[in-house]
C-alpha cells in the first residue's frame, strides 16, 4: 500500500469512529428527550 492509500484508509477509519460517536450522542440525546417528555406529561397530569 502506498503512503497516500494508507492515509486515506486512516482518514476513513477516523471518519467512521467519529460517525459512530455522533450516533451514540444523538441516541443518548433522543433518550433524554423522551424521558423529559414522559416526566413533563406525568407532572401535568398530577397538577391537573
PDB file of N, CA and C in Angstrom:
ATOM      1  N   UNK A   1       0.834  -1.190   0.000  1.00  0.00           N
ATOM      2  CA  UNK A   1       0.000   0.000   0.000  1.00  0.00           C
ATOM      3  C   UNK A   1       0.878   1.252   0.000  1.00  0.00           C
ATOM      4  N   UNK A   2       0.516   2.204  -0.806  1.00  0.00           N
ATOM      5  CA  UNK A   2       1.283   3.442  -0.849  1.00  0.00           C
ATOM      6  C   UNK A   2       0.937   4.310   0.357  1.00  0.00           C
ATOM      7  N   UNK A   3       1.765   5.339   0.574  1.00  0.00           N
ATOM      8  CA  UNK A   3       1.519   6.235   1.712  1.00  0.00           C
ATOM      9  C   UNK A   3       0.161   6.911   1.586  1.00  0.00           C
ATOM     10  N   UNK A   4      -0.173   7.319   0.364  1.00  0.00           N
ATOM     11  CA  UNK A   4      -1.445   8.014   0.137  1.00  0.00           C
ATOM     12  C   UNK A   4      -2.626   7.092   0.461  1.00  0.00           C
ATOM     13  N   UNK A   5      -2.538   5.863   0.025  1.00  0.00           N
ATOM     14  CA  UNK A   5      -3.610   4.897   0.286  1.00  0.00           C
ATOM     15  C   UNK A   5      -3.753   4.650   1.785  1.00  0.00           C
ATOM     16  N   UNK A   6      -2.616   4.587   2.492  1.00  0.00           N
ATOM     17  CA  UNK A   6      -2.650   4.387   3.942  1.00  0.00           C
ATOM     18  C   UNK A   6      -3.319   5.563   4.630  1.00  0.00           C
ATOM     19  N   UNK A   7      -2.973   6.778   4.208  1.00  0.00           N
ATOM     20  CA  UNK A   7      -3.558   7.958   4.853  1.00  0.00           C
ATOM     21  C   UNK A   7      -5.056   8.053   4.564  1.00  0.00           C
ATOM     22  N   UNK A   8      -5.458   7.636   3.369  1.00  0.00           N
ATOM     23  CA  UNK A   8      -6.886   7.648   3.022  1.00  0.00           C
ATOM     24  C   UNK A   8      -7.631   6.636   3.889  1.00  0.00           C
ATOM     25  N   UNK A   9      -7.062   5.439   4.032  1.00  0.00           N
ATOM     26  CA  UNK A   9      -7.730   4.426   4.851  1.00  0.00           C
ATOM     27  C   UNK A   9      -7.764   4.863   6.316  1.00  0.00           C
ATOM     28  N   UNK A  10      -6.722   5.564   6.752  1.00  0.00           N
ATOM     29  CA  UNK A  10      -6.679   6.083   8.122  1.00  0.00           C
ATOM     30  C   UNK A  10      -7.779   7.135   8.302  1.00  0.00           C
ATOM     31  N   UNK A  11      -7.933   8.007   7.312  1.00  0.00           N
ATOM     32  CA  UNK A  11      -8.982   9.033   7.344  1.00  0.00           C
ATOM     33  C   UNK A  11     -10.362   8.386   7.416  1.00  0.00           C
ATOM     34  N   UNK A  12     -10.556   7.353   6.605  1.00  0.00           N
ATOM     35  CA  UNK A  12     -11.849   6.646   6.587  1.00  0.00           C
ATOM     36  C   UNK A  12     -12.141   6.039   7.958  1.00  0.00           C
ATOM     37  N   UNK A  13     -11.110   5.465   8.578  1.00  0.00           N
ATOM     38  CA  UNK A  13     -11.254   4.852   9.899  1.00  0.00           C
ATOM     39  C   UNK A  13     -11.640   5.904  10.941  1.00  0.00           C
ATOM     40  N   UNK A  14     -10.956   7.049  10.916  1.00  0.00           N
ATOM     41  CA  UNK A  14     -11.255   8.147  11.846  1.00  0.00           C
ATOM     42  C   UNK A  14     -12.677   8.644  11.615  1.00  0.00           C
ATOM     43  N   UNK A  15     -13.034   8.819  10.350  1.00  0.00           N
ATOM     44  CA  UNK A  15     -14.372   9.295   9.988  1.00  0.00           C
ATOM     45  C   UNK A  15     -15.444   8.331  10.511  1.00  0.00           C
ATOM     46  N   UNK A  16     -15.188   7.041  10.365  1.00  0.00           N
ATOM     47  CA  UNK A  16     -16.134   6.019  10.822  1.00  0.00           C
ATOM     48  C   UNK A  16     -16.297   6.087  12.348  1.00  0.00           C
ATOM     49  N   UNK A  17     -15.174   6.224  13.056  1.00  0.00           N
ATOM     50  CA  UNK A  17     -15.222   6.306  14.523  1.00  0.00           C
ATOM     51  C   UNK A  17     -15.993   7.541  14.971  1.00  0.00           C
ATOM     52  N   UNK A  18     -15.738   8.673  14.324  1.00  0.00           N
ATOM     53  CA  UNK A  18     -16.437   9.910  14.676  1.00  0.00           C
ATOM     54  C   UNK A  18     -17.930   9.783  14.422  1.00  0.00           C
ATOM     55  N   UNK A  19     -18.277   9.169  13.302  1.00  0.00           N
ATOM     56  CA  UNK A  19     -19.686   8.980  12.958  1.00  0.00           C
ATOM     57  C   UNK A  19     -20.377   8.110  14.012  1.00  0.00           C
ATOM     58  N   UNK A  20     -19.684   7.052  14.455  1.00  0.00           N
ATOM     59  CA  UNK A  20     -20.236   6.176  15.496  1.00  0.00           C
ATOM     60  C   UNK A  20     -20.459   6.949  16.791  1.00  0.00           C
ATOM     61  N   UNK A  21     -19.467   7.791  17.166  1.00  0.00           N
ATOM     62  CA  UNK A  21     -19.588   8.592  18.383  1.00  0.00           C
ATOM     63  C   UNK A  21     -20.770   9.545  18.278  1.00  0.00           C
ATOM     64  N   UNK A  22     -20.921  10.162  17.117  1.00  0.00           N
ATOM     65  CA  UNK A  22     -22.036  11.092  16.898  1.00  0.00           C
ATOM     66  C   UNK A  22     -23.374  10.380  17.026  1.00  0.00           C
ATOM     67  N   UNK A  23     -23.478   9.208  16.426  1.00  0.00           N
ATOM     68  CA  UNK A  23     -24.723   8.433  16.504  1.00  0.00           C
ATOM     69  C   UNK A  23     -25.052   8.102  17.952  1.00  0.00           C
ATOM     70  N   UNK A  24     -24.022   7.746  18.721  1.00  0.00           N
ATOM     71  CA  UNK A  24     -24.216   7.431  20.131  1.00  0.00           C
ATOM     72  C   UNK A  24     -24.733   8.652  20.877  1.00  0.00           C
ATOM     73  N   UNK A  25     -24.135   9.821  20.600  1.00  0.00           N
ATOM     74  CA  UNK A  25     -24.576  11.050  21.258  1.00  0.00           C
ATOM     75  C   UNK A  25     -26.013  11.389  20.901  1.00  0.00           C
ATOM     76  N   UNK A  26     -26.349  11.263  19.625  1.00  0.00           N
ATOM     77  CA  UNK A  26     -27.720  11.551  19.193  1.00  0.00           C
ATOM     78  C   UNK A  26     -28.710  10.601  19.857  1.00  0.00           C
ATOM     79  N   UNK A  27     -28.309   9.345  19.988  1.00  0.00           N
ATOM     80  CA  UNK A  27     -29.162   8.346  20.619  1.00  0.00           C
ATOM     81  C   UNK A  27     -29.400   8.701  22.086  1.00  0.00           C
ATOM     82  N   UNK A  28     -28.317   9.059  22.790  1.00  0.00           N
ATOM     83  CA  UNK A  28     -28.437   9.453  24.197  1.00  0.00           C
ATOM     84  C   UNK A  28     -29.339  10.674  24.332  1.00  0.00           C
ATOM     85  N   UNK A  29     -29.176  11.624  23.435  1.00  0.00           N
ATOM     86  CA  UNK A  29     -29.981  12.841  23.456  1.00  0.00           C
ATOM     87  C   UNK A  29     -31.454  12.516  23.231  1.00  0.00           C
ATOM     88  N   UNK A  30     -31.722  11.640  22.291  1.00  0.00           N
ATOM     89  CA  UNK A  30     -33.099  11.240  21.990  1.00  0.00           C
ATOM     90  C   UNK A  30     -33.731  10.556  23.199  1.00  0.00           C
ATOM     91  N   UNK A  31     -32.959   9.718  23.874  1.00  0.00           N
ATOM     92  CA  UNK A  31     -33.466   9.022  25.061  1.00  0.00           C
ATOM     93  C   UNK A  31     -33.779  10.032  26.165  1.00  0.00           C
ATOM     94  N   UNK A  32     -32.866  10.985  26.374  1.00  0.00           N
ATOM     95  CA  UNK A  32     -33.089  12.013  27.397  1.00  0.00           C
ATOM     96  C   UNK A  32     -34.326  12.837  27.068  1.00  0.00           C
ATOM     97  N   UNK A  33     -34.498  13.144  25.796  1.00  0.00           N
ATOM     98  CA  UNK A  33     -35.646  13.941  25.363  1.00  0.00           C
ATOM     99  C   UNK A  33     -36.948  13.187  25.648  1.00  0.00           C
ATOM    100  N   UNK A  34     -36.958  11.891  25.359  1.00  0.00           N
ATOM    101  CA  UNK A  34     -38.145  11.071  25.630  1.00  0.00           C
ATOM    102  C   UNK A  34     -38.439  11.030  27.130  1.00  0.00           C
ATOM    103  N   UNK A  35     -37.386  10.850  27.931  1.00  0.00           N
ATOM    104  CA  UNK A  35     -37.558  10.829  29.388  1.00  0.00           C
ATOM    105  C   UNK A  35     -38.149  12.145  29.866  1.00  0.00           C
ATOM    106  N   UNK A  36     -37.646  13.237  29.322  1.00  0.00           N
ATOM    107  CA  UNK A  36     -38.119  14.568  29.695  1.00  0.00           C
ATOM    108  C   UNK A  36     -39.599  14.729  29.346  1.00  0.00           C
ATOM    109  N   UNK A  37     -39.959  14.271  28.147  1.00  0.00           N
ATOM    110  CA  UNK A  37     -41.361  14.359  27.714  1.00  0.00           C
ATOM    111  C   UNK A  37     -42.261  13.556  28.649  1.00  0.00           C
ATOM    112  N   UNK A  38     -41.813  12.348  29.021  1.00  0.00           N
ATOM    113  CA  UNK A  38     -42.602  11.493  29.911  1.00  0.00           C
ATOM    114  C   UNK A  38     -42.781  12.160  31.270  1.00  0.00           C
ATOM    115  N   UNK A  39     -41.686  12.713  31.808  1.00  0.00           N
ATOM    116  CA  UNK A  39     -41.746  13.378  33.113  1.00  0.00           C
ATOM    117  C   UNK A  39     -42.677  14.578  33.050  1.00  0.00           C
ATOM    118  N   UNK A  40     -42.592  15.315  31.956  1.00  0.00           N
ATOM    119  CA  UNK A  40     -43.416  16.508  31.778  1.00  0.00           C
ATOM    120  C   UNK A  40     -44.899  16.117  31.749  1.00  0.00           C
ATOM    121  N   UNK A  41     -45.211  15.030  31.040  1.00  0.00           N
ATOM    122  CA  UNK A  41     -46.597  14.550  30.956  1.00  0.00           C
ATOM    123  C   UNK A  41     -47.095  14.130  32.329  1.00  0.00           C
ATOM    124  N   UNK A  42     -46.259  13.432  33.065  1.00  0.00           N
ATOM    125  CA  UNK A  42     -46.637  12.964  34.401  1.00  0.00           C
ATOM    126  C   UNK A  42     -46.916  14.164  35.308  1.00  0.00           C
ATOM    127  N   UNK A  43     -46.032  15.158  35.266  1.00  0.00           N
ATOM    128  CA  UNK A  43     -46.206  16.350  36.092  1.00  0.00           C
ATOM    129  C   UNK A  43     -47.514  17.058  35.765  1.00  0.00           C
ATOM    130  N   UNK A  44     -47.799  17.223  34.482  1.00  0.00           N
ATOM    131  CA  UNK A  44     -49.019  17.942  34.101  1.00  0.00           C
ATOM    132  C   UNK A  44     -50.258  17.151  34.498  1.00  0.00           C
ATOM    133  N   UNK A  45     -50.205  15.836  34.436  1.00  0.00           N
ATOM    134  CA  UNK A  45     -51.353  15.014  34.843  1.00  0.00           C
ATOM    135  C   UNK A  45     -51.582  15.126  36.351  1.00  0.00           C
ATOM    136  N   UNK A  46     -50.514  15.145  37.111  1.00  0.00           N
ATOM    137  CA  UNK A  46     -50.613  15.247  38.569  1.00  0.00           C
ATOM    138  C   UNK A  46     -51.139  16.635  38.954  1.00  0.00           C
ATOM    139  N   UNK A  47     -50.634  17.660  38.285  1.00  0.00           N
ATOM    140  CA  UNK A  47     -51.038  19.038  38.579  1.00  0.00           C
ATOM    141  C   UNK A  47     -52.520  19.271  38.324  1.00  0.00           C
ATOM    142  N   UNK A  48     -53.054  18.608  37.324  1.00  0.00           N
ATOM    143  CA  UNK A  48     -54.453  18.860  36.932  1.00  0.00           C
ATOM    144  C   UNK A  48     -55.432  18.189  37.862  1.00  0.00           C
TER     145      UNK A  48
END
